[in-house]
Amino acid sequence: MRFLVERAELQKVTTYTEMNSVLTRRTGLPSFDFERADERAAMGHLLGRVVERDYPESNLMISALVHYLGANDAGPGFYALAQQLGLLPKGSSPMAKLEFWIGQVNCLHDRHARS
């Protein structure tokens, strides 16, 4: 989670690929193999756990800061978790999802902005 806070402090986002590299470097554990569906799901599960830990204090989804390489959007797991948390209505349009994601990113940047 510290890495995501650091990204927010810098007013930046990150990719799954960068997060994977940082996790490996900081923990010494093997990296996730995104070619495998189960390992992609494991990264999603990890991000979900990070949100579960941080959300009660922040009321924000810090995983919003992680997106696909070459894309400017969160993954489907982000939106599914937002719906489970009651933050995003089920059946939301792509535009509503994008606006929700952008709002989360902006709020995270504001919350963690360096003074």
C-alpha atoms as a PDB file:
ATOM      1  CA  MET A   1       0.000   0.000   0.000  1.00  0.00           C
ATOM      2  CA  ARG A   2       2.879   2.382   0.666  1.00  0.00           C
ATOM      3  CA  PHE A   3       3.710   2.455  -3.045  1.00  0.00           C
ATOM      4  CA  LEU A   4       0.167   3.549  -3.907  1.00  0.00           C
ATOM      5  CA  VAL A   5       0.285   6.302  -1.291  1.00  0.00           C
ATOM      6  CA  GLU A   6       3.602   7.434  -2.775  1.00  0.00           C
ATOM      7  CA  ARG A   7       2.004   7.605  -6.222  1.00  0.00           C
ATOM      8  CA  ALA A   8      -0.887   9.643  -4.805  1.00  0.00           C
ATOM      9  CA  GLU A   9       1.520  12.017  -3.065  1.00  0.00           C
ATOM     10  CA  LEU A  10       3.174  12.618  -6.450  1.00  0.00           C
ATOM     11  CA  GLN A  11      -0.242  13.169  -8.068  1.00  0.00           C
ATOM     12  CA  LYS A  12       0.369  10.142 -10.311  1.00  0.00           C
ATOM     13  CA  VAL A  13      -1.153   6.791 -11.168  1.00  0.00           C
ATOM     14  CA  THR A  14       0.614   3.526 -11.931  1.00  0.00           C
ATOM     15  CA  THR A  15       0.176   0.422 -14.038  1.00  0.00           C
ATOM     16  CA  TYR A  16      -0.256  -3.193 -13.033  1.00  0.00           C
ATOM     17  CA  THR A  17       3.148  -3.815 -14.603  1.00  0.00           C
ATOM     18  CA  GLU A  18       4.894  -1.134 -12.547  1.00  0.00           C
ATOM     19  CA  MET A  19       3.141  -2.224  -9.381  1.00  0.00           C
ATOM     20  CA  ASN A  20       4.197  -5.813 -10.059  1.00  0.00           C
ATOM     21  CA  SER A  21       7.836  -4.725 -10.420  1.00  0.00           C
ATOM     22  CA  VAL A  22       7.761  -2.618  -7.260  1.00  0.00           C
ATOM     23  CA  LEU A  23       6.158  -5.428  -5.245  1.00  0.00           C
ATOM     24  CA  THR A  24       8.839  -7.836  -6.415  1.00  0.00           C
ATOM     25  CA  ARG A  25      11.648  -5.392  -5.648  1.00  0.00           C
ATOM     26  CA  ARG A  26      10.331  -4.401  -2.228  1.00  0.00           C
ATOM     27  CA  THR A  27       9.238  -7.829  -1.003  1.00  0.00           C
ATOM     28  CA  GLY A  28      11.687 -10.158  -2.741  1.00  0.00           C
ATOM     29  CA  LEU A  29       8.741 -12.366  -3.733  1.00  0.00           C
ATOM     30  CA  PRO A  30       8.313 -13.654  -7.294  1.00  0.00           C
ATOM     31  CA  SER A  31       6.412 -11.370  -9.636  1.00  0.00           C
ATOM     32  CA  PHE A  32       2.919 -12.111 -10.882  1.00  0.00           C
ATOM     33  CA  ASP A  33       2.783 -13.699 -14.342  1.00  0.00           C
ATOM     34  CA  PHE A  34       0.077 -11.702 -16.094  1.00  0.00           C
ATOM     35  CA  GLU A  35      -0.022 -14.259 -18.916  1.00  0.00           C
ATOM     36  CA  ARG A  36      -1.826 -16.532 -16.447  1.00  0.00           C
ATOM     37  CA  ALA A  37      -5.457 -15.837 -15.531  1.00  0.00           C
ATOM     38  CA  ASP A  38      -4.986 -17.079 -11.969  1.00  0.00           C
ATOM     39  CA  GLU A  39      -2.077 -14.718 -11.376  1.00  0.00           C
ATOM     40  CA  ARG A  40      -3.976 -11.752 -12.839  1.00  0.00           C
ATOM     41  CA  ALA A  41      -6.788 -12.679 -10.454  1.00  0.00           C
ATOM     42  CA  ALA A  42      -4.292 -12.862  -7.582  1.00  0.00           C
ATOM     43  CA  MET A  43      -3.144  -9.296  -8.269  1.00  0.00           C
ATOM     44  CA  GLY A  44      -6.779  -8.216  -8.334  1.00  0.00           C
ATOM     45  CA  HIS A  45      -7.380  -9.988  -5.033  1.00  0.00           C
ATOM     46  CA  LEU A  46      -4.357  -8.244  -3.522  1.00  0.00           C
ATOM     47  CA  LEU A  47      -5.629  -4.851  -4.654  1.00  0.00           C
ATOM     48  CA  GLY A  48      -9.054  -5.667  -3.236  1.00  0.00           C
ATOM     49  CA  ARG A  49      -7.474  -6.464   0.128  1.00  0.00           C
ATOM     50  CA  VAL A  50      -5.587  -3.162   0.039  1.00  0.00           C
ATOM     51  CA  VAL A  51      -8.866  -1.328  -0.544  1.00  0.00           C
ATOM     52  CA  GLU A  52     -10.554  -3.264   2.290  1.00  0.00           C
ATOM     53  CA  ARG A  53      -7.760  -2.186   4.621  1.00  0.00           C
ATOM     54  CA  ASP A  54      -7.649   1.477   3.559  1.00  0.00           C
ATOM     55  CA  TYR A  55     -11.301   2.232   2.756  1.00  0.00           C
ATOM     56  CA  PRO A  56     -12.663   2.492   6.342  1.00  0.00           C
ATOM     57  CA  GLU A  57     -10.281   5.390   7.012  1.00  0.00           C
ATOM     58  CA  SER A  58     -10.188   7.090   3.615  1.00  0.00           C
ATOM     59  CA  ASN A  59     -13.614   6.311   2.120  1.00  0.00           C
ATOM     60  CA  LEU A  60     -11.709   5.992  -1.163  1.00  0.00           C
ATOM     61  CA  MET A  61     -10.569   3.093  -3.330  1.00  0.00           C
ATOM     62  CA  ILE A  62      -6.794   3.451  -3.465  1.00  0.00           C
ATOM     63  CA  SER A  63      -6.676   0.769  -6.168  1.00  0.00           C
ATOM     64  CA  ALA A  64      -8.057   3.437  -8.531  1.00  0.00           C
ATOM     65  CA  LEU A  65      -4.438   4.475  -8.971  1.00  0.00           C
ATOM     66  CA  VAL A  66      -3.647   1.203 -10.817  1.00  0.00           C
ATOM     67  CA  HIS A  67      -4.576   0.844 -14.479  1.00  0.00           C
ATOM     68  CA  TYR A  68      -3.647  -1.245 -17.484  1.00  0.00           C
ATOM     69  CA  LEU A  69      -0.470  -0.417 -19.374  1.00  0.00           C
ATOM     70  CA  GLY A  70      -1.473   1.615 -22.423  1.00  0.00           C
ATOM     71  CA  ALA A  71      -4.972   2.268 -21.065  1.00  0.00           C
ATOM     72  CA  ASN A  72      -6.419   5.151 -19.152  1.00  0.00           C
ATOM     73  CA  ASP A  73      -8.938   3.326 -17.016  1.00  0.00           C
ATOM     74  CA  ALA A  74      -9.236   0.909 -14.120  1.00  0.00           C
ATOM     75  CA  GLY A  75      -9.814  -2.808 -14.556  1.00  0.00           C
ATOM     76  CA  PRO A  76     -13.184  -4.548 -14.278  1.00  0.00           C
ATOM     77  CA  GLY A  77     -12.379  -5.780 -10.771  1.00  0.00           C
ATOM     78  CA  PHE A  78     -12.164  -2.171  -9.590  1.00  0.00           C
ATOM     79  CA  TYR A  79     -15.702  -1.464 -10.787  1.00  0.00           C
ATOM     80  CA  ALA A  80     -17.033  -4.752  -9.384  1.00  0.00           C
ATOM     81  CA  LEU A  81     -15.598  -3.895  -5.960  1.00  0.00           C
ATOM     82  CA  ALA A  82     -17.020  -0.362  -6.189  1.00  0.00           C
ATOM     83  CA  GLN A  83     -20.441  -1.911  -6.805  1.00  0.00           C
ATOM     84  CA  GLN A  84     -20.003  -4.316  -3.863  1.00  0.00           C
ATOM     85  CA  LEU A  85     -19.131  -1.351  -1.646  1.00  0.00           C
ATOM     86  CA  GLY A  86     -22.254   0.488  -2.857  1.00  0.00           C
ATOM     87  CA  LEU A  87     -20.197   3.276  -4.427  1.00  0.00           C
ATOM     88  CA  LEU A  88     -21.245   2.618  -8.017  1.00  0.00           C
ATOM     89  CA  PRO A  89     -24.701   1.448  -9.100  1.00  0.00           C
ATOM     90  CA  LYS A  90     -24.886  -1.919 -10.832  1.00  0.00           C
ATOM     91  CA  GLY A  91     -25.389  -1.521 -14.569  1.00  0.00           C
ATOM     92  CA  SER A  92     -23.597   1.842 -14.656  1.00  0.00           C
ATOM     93  CA  SER A  93     -22.771   3.121 -18.110  1.00  0.00           C
ATOM     94  CA  PRO A  94     -19.174   3.224 -19.323  1.00  0.00           C
ATOM     95  CA  MET A  95     -19.256   7.019 -18.907  1.00  0.00           C
ATOM     96  CA  ALA A  96     -20.527   6.756 -15.320  1.00  0.00           C
ATOM     97  CA  LYS A  97     -17.762   4.260 -14.548  1.00  0.00           C
ATOM     98  CA  LEU A  98     -15.126   6.518 -16.079  1.00  0.00           C
ATOM     99  CA  GLU A  99     -16.402   9.520 -14.125  1.00  0.00           C
ATOM    100  CA  PHE A 100     -16.388   7.485 -10.909  1.00  0.00           C
ATOM    101  CA  TRP A 101     -12.817   6.331 -11.535  1.00  0.00           C
ATOM    102  CA  ILE A 102     -11.608   9.865 -12.325  1.00  0.00           C
ATOM    103  CA  GLY A 103     -13.303  11.138  -9.168  1.00  0.00           C
ATOM    104  CA  GLN A 104     -11.556   8.498  -7.070  1.00  0.00           C
ATOM    105  CA  VAL A 105      -8.159   9.335  -8.572  1.00  0.00           C
ATOM    106  CA  ASN A 106      -8.659  13.069  -8.034  1.00  0.00           C
ATOM    107  CA  CYS A 107      -9.796  12.567  -4.425  1.00  0.00           C
ATOM    108  CA  LEU A 108      -6.838  10.283  -3.709  1.00  0.00           C
ATOM    109  CA  HIS A 109      -4.460  12.888  -5.130  1.00  0.00           C
ATOM    110  CA  ASP A 110      -6.093  15.588  -3.007  1.00  0.00           C
ATOM    111  CA  ARG A 111      -6.028  13.456   0.138  1.00  0.00           C
ATOM    112  CA  HIS A 112      -2.361  12.571  -0.180  1.00  0.00           C
ATOM    113  CA  ALA A 113      -1.054  15.802  -1.725  1.00  0.00           C
ATOM    114  CA  ARG A 114       2.204  16.883  -0.207  1.00  0.00           C
ATOM    115  CA  SER A 115       1.892  20.177   1.600  1.00  0.00           C
END
